[in-house]
C-alpha cells in the first residue's frame, strides 16, 4: 500500500446530498497518524469543506467496504459515511 503523507489526495464515502448525488468525494490528507490512519478535509461539489478525524486508510475501495461491513452495526450511520478512505485507482 502507498504511504500516506500530508497533501495527498484520497477518496472517502459521503452522504449523497453532500456531493450532488455522488457517493464519494475527494479528500486531502491533513494529518498522518500512522500508515493506516489519517485526518482529512473533504471537498463536496457545492458544500463547504468538512473534516474527518482519524479516518482508516485502505488500499482499495473494496477493502474499505469489507472493513466497514465487519465493524459497523447495521443501524449505525457509519455504514453510509464511515471514518474511512481509500487511495484512488491508478489511471493508465
N, C-alpha and C. Protein backbone atom coordinates (compact mmCIF):
# COMPACT_ATOMS: atom_id res chain seq x y z
N UNK A 1 0.84 -1.18 0.00
CA UNK A 1 0.00 0.00 0.00
C UNK A 1 0.88 1.24 0.00
N UNK A 2 0.36 2.31 -0.59
CA UNK A 2 1.09 3.58 -0.59
C UNK A 2 1.22 4.11 0.83
N UNK A 3 2.22 4.92 1.05
CA UNK A 3 2.44 5.51 2.36
C UNK A 3 1.77 6.89 2.40
N UNK A 4 0.92 7.16 3.40
CA UNK A 4 0.26 8.46 3.46
C UNK A 4 1.22 9.57 3.85
N UNK A 5 0.96 10.76 3.33
CA UNK A 5 1.71 11.95 3.71
C UNK A 5 0.81 13.16 3.52
N UNK A 6 1.20 14.28 4.11
CA UNK A 6 0.41 15.50 4.01
C UNK A 6 0.19 15.89 2.55
N UNK A 7 -0.99 16.39 2.29
CA UNK A 7 -1.40 16.93 0.98
C UNK A 7 -1.59 15.87 -0.09
N UNK A 8 -1.67 14.60 0.26
CA UNK A 8 -2.01 13.56 -0.72
C UNK A 8 -3.54 13.46 -0.79
N UNK A 9 -4.06 13.13 -1.95
CA UNK A 9 -5.50 13.00 -2.17
C UNK A 9 -5.95 11.56 -2.03
N UNK A 10 -7.10 11.38 -1.41
CA UNK A 10 -7.76 10.07 -1.28
C UNK A 10 -9.24 10.27 -1.61
N UNK A 11 -9.99 9.19 -1.62
CA UNK A 11 -11.44 9.25 -1.79
C UNK A 11 -12.10 8.76 -0.52
N UNK A 12 -13.24 9.37 -0.18
CA UNK A 12 -13.94 8.97 1.04
C UNK A 12 -15.45 8.96 0.79
N UNK A 13 -16.18 8.02 1.38
CA UNK A 13 -17.63 7.99 1.22
C UNK A 13 -18.27 9.20 1.91
N UNK A 14 -19.32 9.72 1.28
CA UNK A 14 -20.07 10.84 1.85
C UNK A 14 -21.56 10.61 1.60
N UNK A 15 -22.38 11.34 2.32
CA UNK A 15 -23.82 11.32 2.05
C UNK A 15 -24.05 11.88 0.65
N UNK A 16 -24.95 11.27 -0.11
CA UNK A 16 -25.20 11.73 -1.47
C UNK A 16 -25.61 13.20 -1.53
N UNK A 17 -26.33 13.66 -0.52
CA UNK A 17 -26.78 15.06 -0.51
C UNK A 17 -25.62 16.03 -0.37
N UNK A 18 -24.49 15.57 0.17
CA UNK A 18 -23.32 16.43 0.35
C UNK A 18 -22.57 16.64 -0.95
N UNK A 19 -22.66 15.69 -1.86
CA UNK A 19 -21.81 15.72 -3.05
C UNK A 19 -22.62 15.57 -4.34
N UNK A 20 -23.77 16.26 -4.40
CA UNK A 20 -24.55 16.32 -5.63
C UNK A 20 -24.92 14.94 -6.17
N UNK A 21 -25.22 14.01 -5.28
CA UNK A 21 -25.64 12.67 -5.67
C UNK A 21 -24.54 11.63 -5.73
N UNK A 22 -23.28 12.06 -5.70
CA UNK A 22 -22.17 11.10 -5.73
C UNK A 22 -21.94 10.51 -4.35
N UNK A 23 -21.52 9.26 -4.29
CA UNK A 23 -21.32 8.58 -3.01
C UNK A 23 -19.92 8.74 -2.44
N UNK A 24 -19.00 9.28 -3.22
CA UNK A 24 -17.63 9.52 -2.74
C UNK A 24 -17.23 10.95 -3.09
N UNK A 25 -16.27 11.46 -2.33
CA UNK A 25 -15.74 12.80 -2.57
C UNK A 25 -14.23 12.76 -2.39
N UNK A 26 -13.52 13.67 -3.04
CA UNK A 26 -12.08 13.76 -2.81
C UNK A 26 -11.81 14.35 -1.44
N UNK A 27 -10.72 13.93 -0.85
CA UNK A 27 -10.32 14.44 0.46
C UNK A 27 -8.81 14.60 0.49
N UNK A 28 -8.37 15.62 1.16
CA UNK A 28 -6.96 15.92 1.30
C UNK A 28 -6.47 15.44 2.67
N UNK A 29 -5.37 14.72 2.71
CA UNK A 29 -4.80 14.28 3.98
C UNK A 29 -4.18 15.50 4.68
N UNK A 30 -4.66 15.77 5.89
CA UNK A 30 -4.18 16.94 6.64
C UNK A 30 -3.35 16.57 7.87
N UNK A 31 -3.37 15.30 8.23
CA UNK A 31 -2.53 14.82 9.33
C UNK A 31 -2.36 13.32 9.18
N UNK A 32 -1.18 12.84 9.44
CA UNK A 32 -0.90 11.41 9.36
C UNK A 32 -0.66 10.89 10.77
N UNK A 33 -1.47 9.91 11.17
CA UNK A 33 -1.32 9.29 12.49
C UNK A 33 -0.53 7.99 12.41
N UNK A 34 -0.45 7.43 11.23
CA UNK A 34 0.24 6.16 11.02
C UNK A 34 0.03 5.71 9.58
N UNK A 35 0.49 4.52 9.26
CA UNK A 35 0.38 4.03 7.88
C UNK A 35 -1.06 3.80 7.43
N UNK A 36 -2.00 3.69 8.39
CA UNK A 36 -3.39 3.44 8.00
C UNK A 36 -4.38 4.33 8.75
N UNK A 37 -3.93 5.48 9.27
CA UNK A 37 -4.83 6.38 10.00
C UNK A 37 -4.47 7.82 9.69
N UNK A 38 -5.47 8.60 9.20
CA UNK A 38 -5.21 9.98 8.77
C UNK A 38 -6.39 10.88 9.14
N UNK A 39 -6.14 12.18 9.19
CA UNK A 39 -7.20 13.18 9.24
C UNK A 39 -7.40 13.71 7.83
N UNK A 40 -8.65 14.11 7.52
CA UNK A 40 -8.99 14.54 6.17
C UNK A 40 -9.76 15.85 6.16
N UNK A 41 -9.60 16.61 5.10
CA UNK A 41 -10.52 17.68 4.74
C UNK A 41 -11.22 17.21 3.47
N UNK A 42 -12.55 17.13 3.54
CA UNK A 42 -13.36 16.54 2.47
C UNK A 42 -14.00 17.66 1.64
N UNK A 43 -13.94 17.53 0.33
CA UNK A 43 -14.45 18.55 -0.58
C UNK A 43 -15.62 18.02 -1.40
N UNK A 44 -16.84 18.48 -1.08
CA UNK A 44 -18.03 18.12 -1.86
C UNK A 44 -18.21 19.08 -3.02
N UNK A 45 -19.15 18.77 -3.90
CA UNK A 45 -19.38 19.60 -5.09
C UNK A 45 -19.74 21.04 -4.78
N UNK A 46 -20.62 21.24 -3.83
CA UNK A 46 -21.11 22.61 -3.61
C UNK A 46 -21.25 22.97 -2.13
N UNK A 47 -20.65 22.22 -1.26
CA UNK A 47 -20.69 22.50 0.17
C UNK A 47 -19.33 22.98 0.65
N UNK A 48 -19.32 23.56 1.82
CA UNK A 48 -18.06 23.93 2.45
C UNK A 48 -17.29 22.67 2.79
N UNK A 49 -15.97 22.74 2.81
CA UNK A 49 -15.19 21.56 3.21
C UNK A 49 -15.61 21.08 4.60
N UNK A 50 -15.57 19.78 4.79
CA UNK A 50 -15.83 19.19 6.10
C UNK A 50 -14.61 18.38 6.51
N UNK A 51 -14.64 17.87 7.72
CA UNK A 51 -13.45 17.21 8.26
C UNK A 51 -13.79 15.83 8.79
N UNK A 52 -12.86 14.92 8.62
CA UNK A 52 -12.95 13.58 9.22
C UNK A 52 -11.66 13.38 10.00
N UNK A 53 -11.82 13.07 11.25
CA UNK A 53 -10.67 12.85 12.11
C UNK A 53 -10.46 11.35 12.31
N UNK A 54 -9.22 10.93 12.24
CA UNK A 54 -8.86 9.52 12.46
C UNK A 54 -9.60 8.59 11.50
N UNK A 55 -9.50 8.86 10.22
CA UNK A 55 -10.09 8.01 9.20
C UNK A 55 -9.13 6.87 8.87
N UNK A 56 -9.65 5.66 8.82
CA UNK A 56 -8.83 4.49 8.49
C UNK A 56 -8.59 4.48 6.98
N UNK A 57 -7.33 4.30 6.58
CA UNK A 57 -6.93 4.34 5.18
C UNK A 57 -6.75 2.94 4.62
N UNK A 58 -7.32 2.70 3.43
CA UNK A 58 -7.25 1.40 2.77
C UNK A 58 -6.65 1.55 1.38
N UNK A 59 -6.12 0.45 0.87
CA UNK A 59 -5.52 0.45 -0.47
C UNK A 59 -6.58 0.55 -1.56
N UNK A 60 -7.76 -0.06 -1.33
CA UNK A 60 -8.81 -0.07 -2.35
C UNK A 60 -10.18 0.19 -1.73
N UNK A 61 -11.12 0.56 -2.57
CA UNK A 61 -12.50 0.77 -2.12
C UNK A 61 -13.09 -0.53 -1.59
N UNK A 62 -12.80 -1.64 -2.25
CA UNK A 62 -13.35 -2.93 -1.83
C UNK A 62 -12.89 -3.30 -0.42
N UNK A 63 -11.60 -3.09 -0.12
CA UNK A 63 -11.07 -3.38 1.22
C UNK A 63 -11.76 -2.51 2.26
N UNK A 64 -11.98 -1.24 1.91
CA UNK A 64 -12.62 -0.33 2.85
C UNK A 64 -14.04 -0.80 3.19
N UNK A 65 -14.84 -1.13 2.16
CA UNK A 65 -16.23 -1.55 2.43
C UNK A 65 -16.29 -2.88 3.18
N UNK A 66 -15.37 -3.78 2.93
CA UNK A 66 -15.33 -5.03 3.69
C UNK A 66 -15.10 -4.74 5.17
N UNK A 67 -14.19 -3.82 5.47
CA UNK A 67 -13.92 -3.44 6.85
C UNK A 67 -15.13 -2.77 7.48
N UNK A 68 -15.78 -1.87 6.73
CA UNK A 68 -16.97 -1.18 7.25
C UNK A 68 -18.05 -2.19 7.61
N UNK A 69 -18.31 -3.15 6.72
CA UNK A 69 -19.36 -4.15 6.98
C UNK A 69 -19.03 -5.00 8.21
N UNK A 70 -17.77 -5.32 8.41
CA UNK A 70 -17.36 -6.12 9.57
C UNK A 70 -17.46 -5.36 10.88
N UNK A 71 -17.26 -4.05 10.84
CA UNK A 71 -17.09 -3.27 12.07
C UNK A 71 -18.20 -2.28 12.38
N UNK A 72 -19.31 -2.32 11.66
CA UNK A 72 -20.38 -1.36 11.85
C UNK A 72 -21.71 -2.07 12.06
N UNK A 73 -22.43 -1.75 13.15
CA UNK A 73 -23.78 -2.29 13.29
C UNK A 73 -24.66 -1.79 12.15
N UNK A 74 -25.64 -2.59 11.73
CA UNK A 74 -26.46 -2.25 10.57
C UNK A 74 -27.19 -0.92 10.70
N UNK A 75 -27.59 -0.55 11.91
CA UNK A 75 -28.38 0.67 12.09
C UNK A 75 -27.51 1.90 12.36
N UNK A 76 -26.23 1.80 12.23
CA UNK A 76 -25.32 2.90 12.55
C UNK A 76 -25.04 3.75 11.32
N UNK A 77 -24.95 5.06 11.50
CA UNK A 77 -24.70 6.00 10.40
C UNK A 77 -23.38 5.73 9.69
N UNK A 78 -22.40 5.17 10.39
CA UNK A 78 -21.08 4.95 9.80
C UNK A 78 -21.17 4.05 8.56
N UNK A 79 -22.21 3.25 8.45
CA UNK A 79 -22.35 2.38 7.28
C UNK A 79 -22.49 3.18 5.99
N UNK A 80 -23.01 4.40 6.08
CA UNK A 80 -23.14 5.23 4.88
C UNK A 80 -22.10 6.33 4.82
N UNK A 81 -21.49 6.66 5.92
CA UNK A 81 -20.49 7.74 5.95
C UNK A 81 -19.36 7.36 6.91
N UNK A 82 -18.61 6.30 6.59
CA UNK A 82 -17.62 5.79 7.55
C UNK A 82 -16.42 6.72 7.69
N UNK A 83 -15.75 6.60 8.83
CA UNK A 83 -14.49 7.30 9.03
C UNK A 83 -13.40 6.46 8.37
N UNK A 84 -13.45 6.45 7.06
CA UNK A 84 -12.53 5.63 6.27
C UNK A 84 -12.30 6.31 4.93
N UNK A 85 -11.22 5.90 4.28
CA UNK A 85 -10.89 6.44 2.97
C UNK A 85 -10.02 5.42 2.24
N UNK A 86 -9.81 5.68 0.96
CA UNK A 86 -9.01 4.75 0.17
C UNK A 86 -8.27 5.53 -0.93
N UNK A 87 -7.20 4.93 -1.40
CA UNK A 87 -6.43 5.54 -2.49
C UNK A 87 -7.25 5.47 -3.77
N UNK A 88 -7.24 6.52 -4.58
CA UNK A 88 -7.94 6.44 -5.88
C UNK A 88 -7.26 5.40 -6.77
N UNK A 89 -8.05 4.75 -7.62
CA UNK A 89 -7.43 3.80 -8.54
C UNK A 89 -6.49 4.52 -9.50
N UNK A 90 -5.44 3.84 -9.89
CA UNK A 90 -4.49 4.44 -10.85
C UNK A 90 -5.10 4.43 -12.24
N UNK A 91 -4.88 5.52 -12.94
CA UNK A 91 -5.36 5.65 -14.32
C UNK A 91 -4.18 5.36 -15.24
N UNK A 92 -4.40 4.44 -16.17
CA UNK A 92 -3.29 4.11 -17.10
C UNK A 92 -3.63 4.51 -18.51
